[in-house]
Amino acid sequence: MSNFLSYQNIDFRFGDQNYYASNVSLSAQASVDAVLLNDGSLLNYAPNGAVVGGLSVDFYLTGSLPSFLQITGLNESPIDVSFAGVKINQVYSKSLSFSVEPFQPIVI
């Protein structure tokens, strides 16, 4: 059964907590090789490795920094993310950046 992106009730969640995201970007890349027959014709494509995905999100800091993003005492436990009905299990944080301006909300 296919999942289609629904623009109703779009919630961005880390774990069970909602965040107000201003930008969400999902990506997926699969490594495939062509499978050729003896005569050189193409039979099909076969996976060459794991599917590699990425998630980039900008959200406003509305309280303290979430515990899974704190740089002190980091553990390597994965985070579950869901957005608009699409759930991604076991996401690991790779980088963190933030923007601070006077009298403006902090964007992470």
C-alpha atoms as a PDB file:
ATOM      1  CA  MET A   1       0.000   0.000   0.000  1.00  0.00           C
ATOM      2  CA  SER A   2       1.375   3.386  -0.975  1.00  0.00           C
ATOM      3  CA  ASN A   3       1.718   6.333   1.369  1.00  0.00           C
ATOM      4  CA  PHE A   4       0.937   9.725  -0.074  1.00  0.00           C
ATOM      5  CA  LEU A   5       2.014  12.977   1.518  1.00  0.00           C
ATOM      6  CA  SER A   6      -1.022  14.656   3.026  1.00  0.00           C
ATOM      7  CA  TYR A   7      -1.000  18.392   3.665  1.00  0.00           C
ATOM      8  CA  GLN A   8      -3.570  18.031   6.434  1.00  0.00           C
ATOM      9  CA  ASN A   9      -2.368  17.766  10.007  1.00  0.00           C
ATOM     10  CA  ILE A  10       1.297  18.174   9.122  1.00  0.00           C
ATOM     11  CA  ASP A  11       3.152  17.661  12.368  1.00  0.00           C
ATOM     12  CA  PHE A  12       6.903  17.333  12.675  1.00  0.00           C
ATOM     13  CA  ARG A  13       7.836  15.126  15.619  1.00  0.00           C
ATOM     14  CA  PHE A  14      11.042  14.048  17.245  1.00  0.00           C
ATOM     15  CA  GLY A  15       9.932  11.061  19.299  1.00  0.00           C
ATOM     16  CA  ASP A  16       6.573  12.020  20.791  1.00  0.00           C
ATOM     17  CA  GLN A  17       7.125  15.781  20.903  1.00  0.00           C
ATOM     18  CA  ASN A  18       5.890  18.245  18.250  1.00  0.00           C
ATOM     19  CA  TYR A  19       8.186  20.941  16.858  1.00  0.00           C
ATOM     20  CA  TYR A  20       7.198  23.886  14.697  1.00  0.00           C
ATOM     21  CA  ALA A  21       9.373  23.343  11.638  1.00  0.00           C
ATOM     22  CA  SER A  22       9.821  26.048   9.015  1.00  0.00           C
ATOM     23  CA  ASN A  23      11.642  23.758   6.576  1.00  0.00           C
ATOM     24  CA  VAL A  24      11.744  19.948   6.257  1.00  0.00           C
ATOM     25  CA  SER A  25      13.751  18.136   3.588  1.00  0.00           C
ATOM     26  CA  LEU A  26      13.856  14.350   3.103  1.00  0.00           C
ATOM     27  CA  SER A  27      16.205  12.574   0.725  1.00  0.00           C
ATOM     28  CA  ALA A  28      16.965   8.977  -0.225  1.00  0.00           C
ATOM     29  CA  GLN A  29      19.683   7.553  -2.426  1.00  0.00           C
ATOM     30  CA  ALA A  30      20.025   3.963  -3.572  1.00  0.00           C
ATOM     31  CA  SER A  31      23.198   2.470  -5.034  1.00  0.00           C
ATOM     32  CA  VAL A  32      22.362   0.194  -7.952  1.00  0.00           C
ATOM     33  CA  ASP A  33      24.382  -1.567 -10.651  1.00  0.00           C
ATOM     34  CA  ALA A  34      23.201  -2.733 -14.022  1.00  0.00           C
ATOM     35  CA  VAL A  35      22.913  -6.517 -14.464  1.00  0.00           C
ATOM     36  CA  LEU A  36      23.984  -7.430 -17.993  1.00  0.00           C
ATOM     37  CA  LEU A  37      23.456 -10.663 -19.871  1.00  0.00           C
ATOM     38  CA  ASN A  38      26.234 -12.454 -21.804  1.00  0.00           C
ATOM     39  CA  ASP A  39      25.263 -10.651 -24.995  1.00  0.00           C
ATOM     40  CA  GLY A  40      25.604  -7.276 -23.268  1.00  0.00           C
ATOM     41  CA  SER A  41      21.898  -6.523 -23.044  1.00  0.00           C
ATOM     42  CA  LEU A  42      20.436  -5.102 -19.864  1.00  0.00           C
ATOM     43  CA  LEU A  43      18.533  -7.574 -17.697  1.00  0.00           C
ATOM     44  CA  ASN A  44      17.703  -5.420 -14.685  1.00  0.00           C
ATOM     45  CA  TYR A  45      19.256  -3.377 -11.892  1.00  0.00           C
ATOM     46  CA  ALA A  46      20.496  -4.843  -8.607  1.00  0.00           C
ATOM     47  CA  PRO A  47      21.244  -3.086  -5.312  1.00  0.00           C
ATOM     48  CA  ASN A  48      24.889  -2.394  -4.638  1.00  0.00           C
ATOM     49  CA  GLY A  49      24.537  -1.257  -1.045  1.00  0.00           C
ATOM     50  CA  ALA A  50      22.158   0.069   1.534  1.00  0.00           C
ATOM     51  CA  VAL A  51      19.702   2.875   0.901  1.00  0.00           C
ATOM     52  CA  VAL A  52      21.144   6.064   2.356  1.00  0.00           C
ATOM     53  CA  GLY A  53      18.741   8.745   3.487  1.00  0.00           C
ATOM     54  CA  GLY A  54      18.942  12.204   4.883  1.00  0.00           C
ATOM     55  CA  LEU A  55      16.727  14.533   6.854  1.00  0.00           C
ATOM     56  CA  SER A  56      17.253  18.245   7.226  1.00  0.00           C
ATOM     57  CA  VAL A  57      14.937  20.347   9.353  1.00  0.00           C
ATOM     58  CA  ASP A  58      14.806  23.943  10.583  1.00  0.00           C
ATOM     59  CA  PHE A  59      12.692  24.543  13.666  1.00  0.00           C
ATOM     60  CA  TYR A  60      12.237  27.216  16.277  1.00  0.00           C
ATOM     61  CA  LEU A  61      13.627  26.703  19.748  1.00  0.00           C
ATOM     62  CA  THR A  62      10.613  27.201  22.023  1.00  0.00           C
ATOM     63  CA  GLY A  63      12.236  26.106  25.277  1.00  0.00           C
ATOM     64  CA  SER A  64      15.446  24.412  26.233  1.00  0.00           C
ATOM     65  CA  LEU A  65      17.485  22.438  23.716  1.00  0.00           C
ATOM     66  CA  PRO A  66      16.060  18.906  23.341  1.00  0.00           C
ATOM     67  CA  SER A  67      18.090  16.293  25.221  1.00  0.00           C
ATOM     68  CA  PHE A  68      18.928  14.316  22.070  1.00  0.00           C
ATOM     69  CA  LEU A  69      20.654  17.388  20.581  1.00  0.00           C
ATOM     70  CA  GLN A  70      22.744  18.385  23.603  1.00  0.00           C
ATOM     71  CA  ILE A  71      26.454  18.097  22.899  1.00  0.00           C
ATOM     72  CA  THR A  72      27.481  17.169  26.437  1.00  0.00           C
ATOM     73  CA  GLY A  73      26.943  13.591  27.498  1.00  0.00           C
ATOM     74  CA  LEU A  74      25.837  12.489  24.043  1.00  0.00           C
ATOM     75  CA  ASN A  75      24.795   8.923  23.694  1.00  0.00           C
ATOM     76  CA  GLU A  76      24.359   7.277  20.343  1.00  0.00           C
ATOM     77  CA  SER A  77      20.727   6.318  20.682  1.00  0.00           C
ATOM     78  CA  PRO A  78      18.621   6.880  17.561  1.00  0.00           C
ATOM     79  CA  ILE A  79      15.664   9.232  17.306  1.00  0.00           C
ATOM     80  CA  ASP A  80      12.303   8.408  15.724  1.00  0.00           C
ATOM     81  CA  VAL A  81      11.010  11.142  13.424  1.00  0.00           C
ATOM     82  CA  SER A  82       7.595  11.548  11.852  1.00  0.00           C
ATOM     83  CA  PHE A  83       6.325  14.159   9.418  1.00  0.00           C
ATOM     84  CA  ALA A  84       2.918  14.300   7.699  1.00  0.00           C
ATOM     85  CA  GLY A  85       2.196  10.623   8.291  1.00  0.00           C
ATOM     86  CA  VAL A  86       5.676   9.436   7.220  1.00  0.00           C
ATOM     87  CA  LYS A  87       7.594   7.784  10.070  1.00  0.00           C
ATOM     88  CA  ILE A  88      11.350   7.308   9.950  1.00  0.00           C
ATOM     89  CA  ASN A  89      12.858   5.044  12.591  1.00  0.00           C
ATOM     90  CA  GLN A  90      16.366   5.250  13.995  1.00  0.00           C
ATOM     91  CA  VAL A  91      17.602   8.637  12.811  1.00  0.00           C
ATOM     92  CA  TYR A  92      21.032   9.707  14.058  1.00  0.00           C
ATOM     93  CA  SER A  93      21.969  13.363  14.350  1.00  0.00           C
ATOM     94  CA  LYS A  94      24.932  14.263  12.178  1.00  0.00           C
ATOM     95  CA  SER A  95      25.232  18.010  12.642  1.00  0.00           C
ATOM     96  CA  LEU A  96      23.620  20.869  14.506  1.00  0.00           C
ATOM     97  CA  SER A  97      23.634  24.558  13.702  1.00  0.00           C
ATOM     98  CA  PHE A  98      21.648  27.494  14.965  1.00  0.00           C
ATOM     99  CA  SER A  99      21.010  31.123  14.180  1.00  0.00           C
ATOM    100  CA  VAL A 100      20.684  33.816  16.854  1.00  0.00           C
ATOM    101  CA  GLU A 101      19.658  37.406  16.164  1.00  0.00           C
ATOM    102  CA  PRO A 102      18.503  40.119  18.572  1.00  0.00           C
ATOM    103  CA  PHE A 103      14.741  40.074  19.207  1.00  0.00           C
ATOM    104  CA  GLN A 104      14.227  37.120  16.839  1.00  0.00           C
ATOM    105  CA  PRO A 105      13.364  33.483  17.599  1.00  0.00           C
ATOM    106  CA  ILE A 106      16.266  31.031  17.618  1.00  0.00           C
ATOM    107  CA  VAL A 107      16.276  28.750  14.572  1.00  0.00           C
ATOM    108  CA  ILE A 108      17.974  25.346  14.953  1.00  0.00           C
END
